[in-house]
Amino acid sequence: MGDILVAGTECSLSLVALPIGAEKQKPKPGWIRDPKAFGAVGQQLSEYFKGRRKTFDLPLVVEGTAFQKTVWQALQDIRYGETVSYFELACRVSRPTASRAVGSANARNPLPIIVPCHRVVGKRGALTGYSGGLRWKESLLRLEGALPPGLDSNIEDERQSKI
């Protein structure tokens, strides 16, 4: 579905940017292209997309508010093949009335896939916003066997309405 941009330092990963979406990331001036620097990232993503990896073991460094970091940490506790609602995630971070704030933090996750924000769905399992677009979210959940039942037709209907 396209090339994934990854960025970080010699020691850690700080960005995974999907090839589409409202805020498509591009390399910034001063960045150095060095595919060897992210060999472990590429290997683990490849294993994930082949269905052979369920968790990632990479050093991560993210910038964000304390609340965002709390939400991003809670995302890492959502297991492969599982989905939770925004409300449930808000409860997991002890903020049951903050579903929208949790959704906002989720949308600003700089490490999609690695920090699995795609596993958060609407109240009744509906696929809602995703930085890489709903097609990516659907594909990731399908790969994990976590696509809520009956959503295939809803997703297709939504795609058709945008064409």
N, C-alpha and C. Protein backbone atom coordinates (compact mmCIF):
# COMPACT_ATOMS: atom_id res chain seq x y z
N MET A 1 0.83 -1.20 0.00
CA MET A 1 0.00 0.00 0.00
C MET A 1 0.86 1.25 0.00
N GLY A 2 2.15 1.09 -0.20
CA GLY A 2 3.03 2.25 -0.29
C GLY A 2 4.20 2.14 0.66
N ASP A 3 5.14 3.04 0.48
CA ASP A 3 6.33 3.07 1.32
C ASP A 3 6.02 3.72 2.66
N ILE A 4 6.60 3.18 3.69
CA ILE A 4 6.46 3.73 5.04
C ILE A 4 7.75 4.47 5.36
N LEU A 5 7.62 5.71 5.81
CA LEU A 5 8.77 6.52 6.21
C LEU A 5 9.02 6.29 7.70
N VAL A 6 10.24 5.94 8.05
CA VAL A 6 10.61 5.82 9.47
C VAL A 6 11.74 6.79 9.75
N ALA A 7 11.76 7.30 10.97
CA ALA A 7 12.81 8.25 11.34
C ALA A 7 13.13 8.08 12.82
N GLY A 8 14.31 8.52 13.16
CA GLY A 8 14.74 8.45 14.55
C GLY A 8 16.21 8.80 14.64
N THR A 9 16.83 8.30 15.68
CA THR A 9 18.25 8.51 15.90
C THR A 9 18.97 7.19 15.71
N GLU A 10 20.25 7.19 15.96
CA GLU A 10 21.02 5.95 15.88
C GLU A 10 20.50 4.92 16.87
N CYS A 11 19.89 5.39 17.94
CA CYS A 11 19.51 4.49 19.04
C CYS A 11 18.02 4.21 19.15
N SER A 12 17.16 5.01 18.50
CA SER A 12 15.73 4.82 18.74
C SER A 12 14.88 5.27 17.56
N LEU A 13 13.68 4.76 17.53
CA LEU A 13 12.69 5.10 16.52
C LEU A 13 11.76 6.16 17.08
N SER A 14 11.49 7.21 16.32
CA SER A 14 10.59 8.25 16.81
C SER A 14 9.45 8.59 15.86
N LEU A 15 9.46 8.01 14.64
CA LEU A 15 8.42 8.32 13.67
C LEU A 15 8.20 7.15 12.73
N VAL A 16 6.93 6.82 12.53
CA VAL A 16 6.51 5.92 11.46
C VAL A 16 5.42 6.69 10.73
N ALA A 17 5.66 6.99 9.47
CA ALA A 17 4.69 7.77 8.69
C ALA A 17 4.16 6.93 7.55
N LEU A 18 2.84 6.78 7.53
CA LEU A 18 2.19 6.01 6.47
C LEU A 18 2.13 6.86 5.20
N PRO A 19 2.05 6.22 4.05
CA PRO A 19 2.17 6.95 2.78
C PRO A 19 0.96 7.78 2.37
N ILE A 20 -0.12 7.72 3.13
CA ILE A 20 -1.29 8.53 2.80
C ILE A 20 -1.83 9.16 4.06
N GLY A 21 -2.86 9.94 3.92
CA GLY A 21 -3.49 10.55 5.09
C GLY A 21 -3.42 12.05 5.02
N ALA A 22 -4.21 12.66 5.87
CA ALA A 22 -4.31 14.11 5.87
C ALA A 22 -2.99 14.79 6.19
N GLU A 23 -2.19 14.17 7.02
CA GLU A 23 -0.93 14.77 7.43
C GLU A 23 0.25 13.93 6.97
N LYS A 24 0.28 13.61 5.68
CA LYS A 24 1.34 12.78 5.13
C LYS A 24 2.70 13.43 5.41
N GLN A 25 3.55 12.68 6.04
CA GLN A 25 4.86 13.17 6.45
C GLN A 25 5.88 12.97 5.34
N LYS A 26 6.74 13.93 5.18
CA LYS A 26 7.85 13.83 4.23
C LYS A 26 9.15 14.08 4.98
N PRO A 27 10.27 13.58 4.46
CA PRO A 27 11.55 13.86 5.12
C PRO A 27 11.77 15.37 5.26
N LYS A 28 12.29 15.76 6.40
CA LYS A 28 12.55 17.17 6.67
C LYS A 28 13.96 17.54 6.24
N PRO A 29 14.19 18.81 5.96
CA PRO A 29 15.55 19.24 5.63
C PRO A 29 16.52 18.85 6.74
N GLY A 30 17.64 18.35 6.36
CA GLY A 30 18.64 17.95 7.34
C GLY A 30 18.58 16.48 7.72
N TRP A 31 17.49 15.80 7.35
CA TRP A 31 17.42 14.37 7.62
C TRP A 31 18.39 13.65 6.70
N ILE A 32 18.96 12.58 7.18
CA ILE A 32 19.91 11.79 6.40
C ILE A 32 19.27 10.45 6.07
N ARG A 33 19.26 10.11 4.79
CA ARG A 33 18.70 8.83 4.37
C ARG A 33 19.73 7.73 4.65
N ASP A 34 19.35 6.78 5.50
CA ASP A 34 20.24 5.69 5.84
C ASP A 34 19.42 4.45 6.14
N PRO A 35 19.05 3.69 5.10
CA PRO A 35 18.22 2.50 5.31
C PRO A 35 18.84 1.50 6.28
N LYS A 36 20.17 1.43 6.35
CA LYS A 36 20.82 0.48 7.26
C LYS A 36 20.51 0.81 8.73
N ALA A 37 20.32 2.08 9.01
CA ALA A 37 20.07 2.50 10.39
C ALA A 37 18.78 1.91 10.95
N PHE A 38 17.87 1.54 10.07
CA PHE A 38 16.56 1.05 10.51
C PHE A 38 16.31 -0.38 10.07
N GLY A 39 17.37 -1.16 10.00
CA GLY A 39 17.25 -2.56 9.59
C GLY A 39 16.31 -3.35 10.48
N ALA A 40 16.42 -3.17 11.79
CA ALA A 40 15.55 -3.90 12.72
C ALA A 40 14.10 -3.48 12.55
N VAL A 41 13.86 -2.20 12.29
CA VAL A 41 12.50 -1.71 12.08
C VAL A 41 11.91 -2.37 10.83
N GLY A 42 12.68 -2.34 9.74
CA GLY A 42 12.21 -2.95 8.49
C GLY A 42 11.96 -4.43 8.65
N GLN A 43 12.86 -5.11 9.35
CA GLN A 43 12.71 -6.56 9.57
C GLN A 43 11.44 -6.86 10.37
N GLN A 44 11.25 -6.11 11.45
CA GLN A 44 10.08 -6.38 12.30
C GLN A 44 8.77 -6.01 11.59
N LEU A 45 8.77 -4.92 10.83
CA LEU A 45 7.56 -4.57 10.08
C LEU A 45 7.27 -5.64 9.02
N SER A 46 8.29 -6.11 8.35
CA SER A 46 8.11 -7.17 7.35
C SER A 46 7.51 -8.42 8.00
N GLU A 47 8.04 -8.81 9.13
CA GLU A 47 7.51 -9.97 9.84
C GLU A 47 6.05 -9.75 10.24
N TYR A 48 5.73 -8.53 10.69
CA TYR A 48 4.36 -8.20 11.07
C TYR A 48 3.42 -8.35 9.86
N PHE A 49 3.81 -7.75 8.74
CA PHE A 49 2.95 -7.79 7.55
C PHE A 49 2.82 -9.20 6.98
N LYS A 50 3.76 -10.08 7.29
CA LYS A 50 3.67 -11.48 6.85
C LYS A 50 2.91 -12.33 7.88
N GLY A 51 2.47 -11.70 8.97
CA GLY A 51 1.71 -12.41 9.99
C GLY A 51 2.57 -13.21 10.95
N ARG A 52 3.87 -12.95 10.97
CA ARG A 52 4.76 -13.71 11.84
C ARG A 52 5.18 -12.95 13.09
N ARG A 53 4.77 -11.72 13.25
CA ARG A 53 5.13 -10.93 14.44
C ARG A 53 3.87 -10.30 15.01
N LYS A 54 3.71 -10.43 16.31
CA LYS A 54 2.54 -9.88 16.97
C LYS A 54 2.88 -8.69 17.87
N THR A 55 4.13 -8.56 18.25
CA THR A 55 4.58 -7.42 19.06
C THR A 55 5.91 -6.92 18.48
N PHE A 56 6.23 -5.70 18.79
CA PHE A 56 7.47 -5.10 18.32
C PHE A 56 8.43 -4.93 19.49
N ASP A 57 9.69 -5.12 19.21
CA ASP A 57 10.73 -4.99 20.22
C ASP A 57 11.75 -3.99 19.68
N LEU A 58 11.41 -2.72 19.80
CA LEU A 58 12.24 -1.64 19.26
C LEU A 58 12.40 -0.55 20.31
N PRO A 59 13.55 0.09 20.38
CA PRO A 59 13.69 1.24 21.27
C PRO A 59 12.94 2.44 20.69
N LEU A 60 12.05 3.01 21.47
CA LEU A 60 11.20 4.10 21.01
C LEU A 60 11.44 5.36 21.84
N VAL A 61 11.39 6.50 21.16
CA VAL A 61 11.42 7.79 21.84
C VAL A 61 10.37 8.65 21.17
N VAL A 62 9.42 9.13 21.96
CA VAL A 62 8.35 9.96 21.40
C VAL A 62 8.26 11.27 22.16
N GLU A 63 7.85 12.28 21.44
CA GLU A 63 7.62 13.59 22.05
C GLU A 63 6.12 13.82 22.10
N GLY A 64 5.65 14.29 23.23
CA GLY A 64 4.24 14.57 23.39
C GLY A 64 3.97 15.03 24.81
N THR A 65 2.72 15.36 25.06
CA THR A 65 2.34 15.76 26.41
C THR A 65 2.31 14.53 27.31
N ALA A 66 2.25 14.76 28.59
CA ALA A 66 2.17 13.65 29.55
C ALA A 66 0.93 12.81 29.26
N PHE A 67 -0.19 13.47 28.96
CA PHE A 67 -1.43 12.74 28.66
C PHE A 67 -1.28 11.91 27.40
N GLN A 68 -0.72 12.49 26.33
CA GLN A 68 -0.51 11.74 25.09
C GLN A 68 0.36 10.51 25.34
N LYS A 69 1.43 10.69 26.09
CA LYS A 69 2.32 9.56 26.37
C LYS A 69 1.61 8.47 27.17
N THR A 70 0.72 8.87 28.06
CA THR A 70 -0.06 7.89 28.83
C THR A 70 -0.96 7.09 27.89
N VAL A 71 -1.62 7.79 26.97
CA VAL A 71 -2.49 7.11 26.00
C VAL A 71 -1.66 6.19 25.11
N TRP A 72 -0.53 6.67 24.61
CA TRP A 72 0.31 5.86 23.72
C TRP A 72 0.83 4.62 24.45
N GLN A 73 1.12 4.76 25.73
CA GLN A 73 1.54 3.60 26.51
C GLN A 73 0.39 2.60 26.62
N ALA A 74 -0.81 3.10 26.86
CA ALA A 74 -1.98 2.22 26.97
C ALA A 74 -2.26 1.51 25.64
N LEU A 75 -1.99 2.17 24.53
CA LEU A 75 -2.17 1.53 23.22
C LEU A 75 -1.30 0.28 23.10
N GLN A 76 -0.12 0.33 23.66
CA GLN A 76 0.80 -0.80 23.58
C GLN A 76 0.32 -2.00 24.38
N ASP A 77 -0.64 -1.78 25.26
CA ASP A 77 -1.21 -2.88 26.05
C ASP A 77 -2.37 -3.57 25.34
N ILE A 78 -2.81 -3.01 24.20
CA ILE A 78 -3.88 -3.66 23.43
C ILE A 78 -3.23 -4.76 22.60
N ARG A 79 -3.63 -5.98 22.87
CA ARG A 79 -2.98 -7.12 22.22
C ARG A 79 -3.35 -7.26 20.75
N TYR A 80 -2.45 -7.88 20.03
CA TYR A 80 -2.66 -8.24 18.63
C TYR A 80 -3.98 -9.00 18.52
N GLY A 81 -4.80 -8.63 17.56
CA GLY A 81 -6.07 -9.32 17.34
C GLY A 81 -7.21 -8.83 18.22
N GLU A 82 -6.95 -7.81 19.02
CA GLU A 82 -7.96 -7.26 19.94
C GLU A 82 -8.26 -5.82 19.54
N THR A 83 -9.50 -5.40 19.75
CA THR A 83 -9.83 -3.98 19.58
C THR A 83 -10.49 -3.49 20.87
N VAL A 84 -10.37 -2.20 21.11
CA VAL A 84 -11.06 -1.57 22.23
C VAL A 84 -11.69 -0.28 21.71
N SER A 85 -12.70 0.18 22.40
CA SER A 85 -13.35 1.44 22.01
C SER A 85 -12.56 2.61 22.62
N TYR A 86 -12.86 3.80 22.10
CA TYR A 86 -12.23 4.99 22.66
C TYR A 86 -12.62 5.14 24.13
N PHE A 87 -13.87 4.82 24.45
CA PHE A 87 -14.32 4.89 25.84
C PHE A 87 -13.52 3.93 26.71
N GLU A 88 -13.36 2.69 26.24
CA GLU A 88 -12.61 1.71 27.02
C GLU A 88 -11.16 2.16 27.22
N LEU A 89 -10.57 2.74 26.18
CA LEU A 89 -9.20 3.23 26.30
C LEU A 89 -9.16 4.38 27.31
N ALA A 90 -10.17 5.25 27.28
CA ALA A 90 -10.24 6.35 28.25
C ALA A 90 -10.32 5.79 29.68
N CYS A 91 -11.07 4.73 29.86
CA CYS A 91 -11.15 4.10 31.19
C CYS A 91 -9.81 3.50 31.58
N ARG A 92 -9.10 2.92 30.62
CA ARG A 92 -7.80 2.31 30.92
C ARG A 92 -6.78 3.34 31.38
N VAL A 93 -6.95 4.59 30.96
CA VAL A 93 -6.02 5.65 31.40
C VAL A 93 -6.63 6.48 32.54
N SER A 94 -7.67 5.91 33.17
CA SER A 94 -8.35 6.53 34.33
C SER A 94 -8.97 7.88 34.01
N ARG A 95 -9.46 8.03 32.78
CA ARG A 95 -10.13 9.27 32.37
C ARG A 95 -11.42 8.91 31.61
N PRO A 96 -12.40 8.26 32.26
CA PRO A 96 -13.58 7.75 31.56
C PRO A 96 -14.43 8.80 30.85
N THR A 97 -14.27 10.07 31.21
CA THR A 97 -15.05 11.11 30.53
C THR A 97 -14.24 11.78 29.42
N ALA A 98 -13.07 11.26 29.13
CA ALA A 98 -12.16 11.92 28.18
C ALA A 98 -12.01 11.14 26.85
N SER A 99 -13.08 10.52 26.38
CA SER A 99 -12.99 9.75 25.13
C SER A 99 -12.49 10.61 23.97
N ARG A 100 -12.94 11.84 23.88
CA ARG A 100 -12.50 12.71 22.77
C ARG A 100 -11.03 13.08 22.90
N ALA A 101 -10.59 13.36 24.10
CA ALA A 101 -9.17 13.68 24.32
C ALA A 101 -8.31 12.46 24.01
N VAL A 102 -8.79 11.29 24.37
CA VAL A 102 -8.09 10.04 24.05
C VAL A 102 -8.02 9.88 22.53
N GLY A 103 -9.12 10.17 21.84
CA GLY A 103 -9.14 10.10 20.38
C GLY A 103 -8.15 11.07 19.76
N SER A 104 -8.07 12.25 20.32
CA SER A 104 -7.12 13.25 19.83
C SER A 104 -5.68 12.80 20.03
N ALA A 105 -5.38 12.25 21.20
CA ALA A 105 -4.03 11.73 21.46
C ALA A 105 -3.72 10.57 20.53
N ASN A 106 -4.71 9.73 20.32
CA ASN A 106 -4.57 8.58 19.42
C ASN A 106 -4.22 9.07 18.02
N ALA A 107 -4.88 10.11 17.56
CA ALA A 107 -4.65 10.66 16.21
C ALA A 107 -3.25 11.26 16.07
N ARG A 108 -2.63 11.64 17.16
CA ARG A 108 -1.30 12.25 17.12
C ARG A 108 -0.17 11.24 17.38
N ASN A 109 -0.52 9.99 17.45
CA ASN A 109 0.47 8.93 17.67
C ASN A 109 1.52 8.97 16.56
N PRO A 110 2.78 9.22 16.90
CA PRO A 110 3.81 9.31 15.87
C PRO A 110 4.34 7.96 15.39
N LEU A 111 3.85 6.87 16.00
CA LEU A 111 4.37 5.54 15.66
C LEU A 111 3.25 4.55 15.34
N PRO A 112 2.37 4.90 14.35
CA PRO A 112 1.30 3.94 14.03
C PRO A 112 1.89 2.59 13.65
N ILE A 113 1.14 1.57 13.83
CA ILE A 113 1.47 0.16 13.66
C ILE A 113 2.31 -0.30 14.85
N ILE A 114 3.45 0.33 15.09
CA ILE A 114 4.32 -0.05 16.21
C ILE A 114 3.59 0.17 17.53
N VAL A 115 3.00 1.35 17.69
CA VAL A 115 2.12 1.67 18.82
C VAL A 115 0.72 1.60 18.21
N PRO A 116 0.01 0.50 18.43
CA PRO A 116 -1.15 0.13 17.61
C PRO A 116 -2.44 0.92 17.81
N CYS A 117 -2.43 2.16 17.35
CA CYS A 117 -3.63 3.00 17.44
C CYS A 117 -4.75 2.49 16.53
N HIS A 118 -4.41 1.64 15.55
CA HIS A 118 -5.43 1.09 14.65
C HIS A 118 -6.38 0.14 15.39
N ARG A 119 -6.02 -0.28 16.57
CA ARG A 119 -6.85 -1.22 17.34
C ARG A 119 -7.94 -0.53 18.14
N VAL A 120 -8.05 0.78 18.01
CA VAL A 120 -9.10 1.53 18.72
C VAL A 120 -10.21 1.82 17.72
N VAL A 121 -11.43 1.44 18.12
CA VAL A 121 -12.59 1.57 17.23
C VAL A 121 -13.70 2.34 17.93
N GLY A 122 -14.72 2.67 17.18
CA GLY A 122 -15.87 3.38 17.73
C GLY A 122 -16.67 2.50 18.68
N LYS A 123 -17.71 3.10 19.28
CA LYS A 123 -18.52 2.43 20.30
C LYS A 123 -18.98 1.03 19.92
N ARG A 124 -19.56 0.90 18.77
CA ARG A 124 -20.12 -0.39 18.35
C ARG A 124 -19.20 -1.12 17.39
N GLY A 125 -17.91 -0.86 17.50
CA GLY A 125 -16.95 -1.54 16.64
C GLY A 125 -16.74 -0.85 15.30
N ALA A 126 -17.35 0.32 15.11
CA ALA A 126 -17.22 1.03 13.83
C ALA A 126 -15.78 1.50 13.64
N LEU A 127 -15.30 1.39 12.41
CA LEU A 127 -13.97 1.91 12.11
C LEU A 127 -14.09 3.41 11.96
N THR A 128 -13.39 4.11 12.82
CA THR A 128 -13.40 5.57 12.78
C THR A 128 -12.00 6.03 12.43
N GLY A 129 -11.81 7.32 12.28
CA GLY A 129 -10.58 7.93 11.82
C GLY A 129 -9.28 7.19 12.08
N TYR A 130 -8.38 7.33 11.13
CA TYR A 130 -7.04 6.75 11.25
C TYR A 130 -6.11 7.62 10.44
N SER A 131 -4.94 7.93 10.98
CA SER A 131 -4.02 8.85 10.31
C SER A 131 -3.66 8.38 8.90
N GLY A 132 -3.63 7.09 8.68
CA GLY A 132 -3.31 6.56 7.36
C GLY A 132 -4.53 6.30 6.50
N GLY A 133 -5.71 6.63 7.00
CA GLY A 133 -6.95 6.39 6.28
C GLY A 133 -7.58 5.08 6.70
N LEU A 134 -8.88 4.98 6.49
CA LEU A 134 -9.61 3.80 6.93
C LEU A 134 -9.19 2.54 6.17
N ARG A 135 -8.69 2.71 4.96
CA ARG A 135 -8.24 1.53 4.22
C ARG A 135 -7.07 0.85 4.92
N TRP A 136 -6.13 1.67 5.43
CA TRP A 136 -5.01 1.11 6.19
C TRP A 136 -5.52 0.45 7.46
N LYS A 137 -6.41 1.14 8.17
CA LYS A 137 -6.94 0.60 9.43
C LYS A 137 -7.61 -0.74 9.17
N GLU A 138 -8.45 -0.78 8.16
CA GLU A 138 -9.14 -2.02 7.80
C GLU A 138 -8.12 -3.12 7.48
N SER A 139 -7.11 -2.80 6.70
CA SER A 139 -6.10 -3.81 6.32
C SER A 139 -5.34 -4.34 7.52
N LEU A 140 -4.98 -3.45 8.43
CA LEU A 140 -4.24 -3.87 9.63
C LEU A 140 -5.10 -4.76 10.53
N LEU A 141 -6.35 -4.36 10.72
CA LEU A 141 -7.24 -5.17 11.55
C LEU A 141 -7.55 -6.52 10.88
N ARG A 142 -7.69 -6.52 9.57
CA ARG A 142 -7.92 -7.77 8.84
C ARG A 142 -6.71 -8.69 9.00
N LEU A 143 -5.50 -8.13 8.85
CA LEU A 143 -4.27 -8.90 9.02
C LEU A 143 -4.24 -9.57 10.39
N GLU A 144 -4.68 -8.85 11.41
CA GLU A 144 -4.65 -9.35 12.78
C GLU A 144 -5.86 -10.22 13.12
N GLY A 145 -6.79 -10.34 12.18
CA GLY A 145 -8.00 -11.12 12.47
C GLY A 145 -8.91 -10.40 13.44
N ALA A 146 -8.84 -9.08 13.47
CA ALA A 146 -9.60 -8.30 14.45
C ALA A 146 -10.64 -7.39 13.81
N LEU A 147 -10.90 -7.56 12.53
CA LEU A 147 -11.91 -6.72 11.87
C LEU A 147 -13.27 -7.10 12.45
N PRO A 148 -13.96 -6.15 13.09
CA PRO A 148 -15.25 -6.49 13.69
C PRO A 148 -16.22 -7.05 12.64
N PRO A 149 -17.01 -8.07 13.00
CA PRO A 149 -17.92 -8.70 12.05
C PRO A 149 -18.88 -7.70 11.42
N GLY A 150 -19.16 -7.89 10.14
CA GLY A 150 -20.13 -7.08 9.44
C GLY A 150 -19.63 -5.72 8.98
N LEU A 151 -18.35 -5.42 9.20
CA LEU A 151 -17.86 -4.09 8.83
C LEU A 151 -17.44 -4.01 7.37
N ASP A 152 -17.17 -5.12 6.73
CA ASP A 152 -16.72 -5.07 5.34
C ASP A 152 -17.65 -4.23 4.48
N SER A 153 -18.95 -4.48 4.59
CA SER A 153 -19.89 -3.75 3.74
C SER A 153 -19.97 -2.28 4.12
N ASN A 154 -19.87 -1.96 5.43
CA ASN A 154 -19.90 -0.57 5.86
C ASN A 154 -18.71 0.20 5.32
N ILE A 155 -17.55 -0.43 5.34
CA ILE A 155 -16.35 0.23 4.84
C ILE A 155 -16.48 0.47 3.35
N GLU A 156 -16.98 -0.52 2.63
CA GLU A 156 -17.16 -0.38 1.19
C GLU A 156 -18.16 0.72 0.88
N ASP A 157 -19.27 0.76 1.65
CA ASP A 157 -20.27 1.82 1.45
C ASP A 157 -19.65 3.18 1.66
N GLU A 158 -18.80 3.32 2.69
CA GLU A 158 -18.16 4.61 2.96
C GLU A 158 -17.24 5.00 1.82
N ARG A 159 -16.49 4.02 1.30
CA ARG A 159 -15.57 4.31 0.18
C ARG A 159 -16.35 4.78 -1.03
N GLN A 160 -17.47 4.12 -1.32
CA GLN A 160 -18.26 4.47 -2.48
C GLN A 160 -18.82 5.88 -2.37
N SER A 161 -19.21 6.28 -1.14
CA SER A 161 -19.78 7.61 -0.97
C SER A 161 -18.75 8.71 -1.19
N LYS A 162 -17.45 8.36 -1.08
CA LYS A 162 -16.41 9.37 -1.27
C LYS A 162 -15.93 9.44 -2.72
N ILE A 163 -16.33 8.49 -3.53
CA ILE A 163 -15.86 8.45 -4.94
C ILE A 163 -16.67 9.41 -5.78
